């Protein structure tokens, strides 16, 4: 056998069963197939020391909202409130607004898995980490 034939045979052995399963419509147990052909991106909220209550996509306010999957390209509304009277609305990071997003209401566009940071500092403005 020539070298190219050996390489082709090795590739066929390595990928042949995967291709055959894929062509037959069978999916590997770890694969999730969606109508658009992609796995949906996940939004995770990093609520610094749980000093805010956060709403994701209109859901009720929560200290630690669960990671949530959205369809590719979805614009997700976010809102935050201080978790108690000891805190004030602070800022978001990694939303659709660059830098510190100081609005209590913002959005994030789901183009990939995203983690959005939010912090509600003490009433004197201290407590949130520096960048």
Protein backbone atom coordinates (compact mmCIF):
# COMPACT_ATOMS: atom_id res chain seq x y z
CA UNK A 1 0.00 0.00 0.00
CA UNK A 2 1.11 3.50 -0.67
CA UNK A 3 1.32 6.10 2.05
CA UNK A 4 -1.80 7.96 0.82
CA UNK A 5 -3.76 4.70 0.84
CA UNK A 6 -2.69 4.07 4.45
CA UNK A 7 -3.74 7.56 5.49
CA UNK A 8 -7.11 7.14 3.78
CA UNK A 9 -7.64 3.76 5.47
CA UNK A 10 -6.76 5.21 8.88
CA UNK A 11 -9.17 8.10 8.40
CA UNK A 12 -11.92 5.76 7.27
CA UNK A 13 -11.43 3.61 10.36
CA UNK A 14 -11.31 6.62 12.67
CA UNK A 15 -14.27 8.50 11.27
CA UNK A 16 -16.22 5.90 9.33
CA UNK A 17 -18.54 4.87 12.15
CA UNK A 18 -19.21 8.48 13.12
CA UNK A 19 -20.03 9.41 9.52
CA UNK A 20 -22.20 6.32 9.08
CA UNK A 21 -24.13 7.09 12.26
CA UNK A 22 -24.50 10.74 11.26
CA UNK A 23 -25.72 9.83 7.76
CA UNK A 24 -28.23 7.36 9.19
CA UNK A 25 -29.72 10.07 11.41
CA UNK A 26 -28.36 8.59 14.64
CA UNK A 27 -26.71 11.05 17.01
CA UNK A 28 -24.00 10.42 19.53
CA UNK A 29 -25.32 10.40 23.08
CA UNK A 30 -23.62 13.75 23.82
CA UNK A 31 -24.97 15.47 20.68
CA UNK A 32 -27.98 17.72 20.84
CA UNK A 33 -29.45 18.64 17.47
CA UNK A 34 -31.68 21.71 17.11
CA UNK A 35 -33.74 22.96 14.18
CA UNK A 36 -31.09 25.55 13.33
CA UNK A 37 -28.36 22.89 13.53
CA UNK A 38 -26.52 24.44 16.48
CA UNK A 39 -26.65 23.93 20.20
CA UNK A 40 -28.37 26.85 21.89
CA UNK A 41 -26.04 29.27 23.72
CA UNK A 42 -26.29 29.45 27.51
CA UNK A 43 -26.55 32.65 29.55
CA UNK A 44 -25.04 32.56 33.05
CA UNK A 45 -25.38 35.43 35.55
CA UNK A 46 -22.43 36.16 37.87
CA UNK A 47 -24.10 38.11 40.70
CA UNK A 48 -21.21 39.43 42.80
CA UNK A 49 -21.66 38.20 46.40
CA UNK A 50 -25.43 37.94 45.70
CA UNK A 51 -25.91 41.66 46.35
CA UNK A 52 -28.49 42.02 43.55
CA UNK A 53 -31.73 40.38 42.63
CA UNK A 54 -31.76 39.65 38.92
CA UNK A 55 -34.46 38.97 36.35
CA UNK A 56 -33.56 37.18 33.12
CA UNK A 57 -35.99 37.45 30.20
CA UNK A 58 -38.85 38.65 32.40
CA UNK A 59 -38.56 35.83 34.96
CA UNK A 60 -39.18 36.67 38.63
CA UNK A 61 -36.29 38.32 40.48
CA UNK A 62 -33.80 35.84 41.90
CA UNK A 63 -30.48 36.06 43.73
CA UNK A 64 -28.97 33.29 41.58
CA UNK A 65 -30.97 32.76 38.39
CA UNK A 66 -30.14 29.41 36.80
CA UNK A 67 -28.12 29.23 33.57
CA UNK A 68 -30.59 29.46 30.70
CA UNK A 69 -30.34 28.47 27.05
CA UNK A 70 -31.61 30.78 24.30
CA UNK A 71 -31.91 30.50 20.56
CA UNK A 72 -28.93 31.91 18.67
CA UNK A 73 -29.35 35.68 18.18
CA UNK A 74 -31.98 36.19 20.91
CA UNK A 75 -31.81 39.59 22.63
CA UNK A 76 -32.38 38.80 26.31
CA UNK A 77 -33.67 41.53 28.64
CA UNK A 78 -32.00 41.70 32.04
CA UNK A 79 -32.91 43.73 35.11
CA UNK A 80 -31.35 44.08 38.54
CA UNK A 81 -32.38 45.52 41.90
CA UNK A 82 -30.45 45.74 45.16
CA UNK A 83 -31.01 42.60 47.27
CA UNK A 84 -31.62 44.76 50.37
CA UNK A 85 -31.63 48.38 51.52
CA UNK A 86 -27.89 48.01 52.31
CA UNK A 87 -27.15 48.14 48.55
CA UNK A 88 -27.79 50.31 45.49
CA UNK A 89 -27.94 49.50 41.79
CA UNK A 90 -24.41 49.29 40.51
CA UNK A 91 -23.36 48.02 37.10
CA UNK A 92 -23.35 45.18 34.61
CA UNK A 93 -20.37 43.92 32.60
CA UNK A 94 -20.40 41.94 29.34
CA UNK A 95 -23.84 43.07 28.17
CA UNK A 96 -24.64 44.67 24.81
CA UNK A 97 -23.27 47.93 26.28
CA UNK A 98 -19.48 48.09 26.36
CA UNK A 99 -17.69 48.83 29.63
CA UNK A 100 -19.71 49.40 32.79
CA UNK A 101 -23.42 49.36 31.97
CA UNK A 102 -24.95 51.39 34.81
CA UNK A 103 -28.59 50.97 33.81
CA UNK A 104 -30.63 48.63 36.03
CA UNK A 105 -32.23 47.34 32.80
CA UNK A 106 -30.09 46.10 29.93
CA UNK A 107 -29.84 43.41 27.25
CA UNK A 108 -27.45 40.73 26.07
CA UNK A 109 -27.51 39.22 22.58
CA UNK A 110 -26.93 35.48 22.60
CA UNK A 111 -24.37 34.83 19.87
CA UNK A 112 -22.46 32.28 21.99
CA UNK A 113 -22.34 31.12 25.61
CA UNK A 114 -22.25 34.28 27.72
CA UNK A 115 -21.54 35.10 31.35
CA UNK A 116 -22.81 38.50 32.45
CA UNK A 117 -21.47 40.09 35.64
CA UNK A 118 -23.63 42.30 37.89
CA UNK A 119 -22.79 44.09 41.15
CA UNK A 120 -24.93 46.16 43.52
CA UNK A 121 -22.53 48.01 45.83
CA UNK A 122 -23.15 49.34 49.33
CA UNK A 123 -25.14 52.57 49.55
CA UNK A 124 -21.87 54.57 49.74
CA UNK A 125 -20.86 53.08 46.34
CA UNK A 126 -18.12 50.80 47.68
CA UNK A 127 -17.80 47.05 47.56
CA UNK A 128 -17.80 46.13 43.86
CA UNK A 129 -14.51 44.87 42.46
CA UNK A 130 -12.39 46.98 40.18
CA UNK A 131 -12.07 45.70 36.63
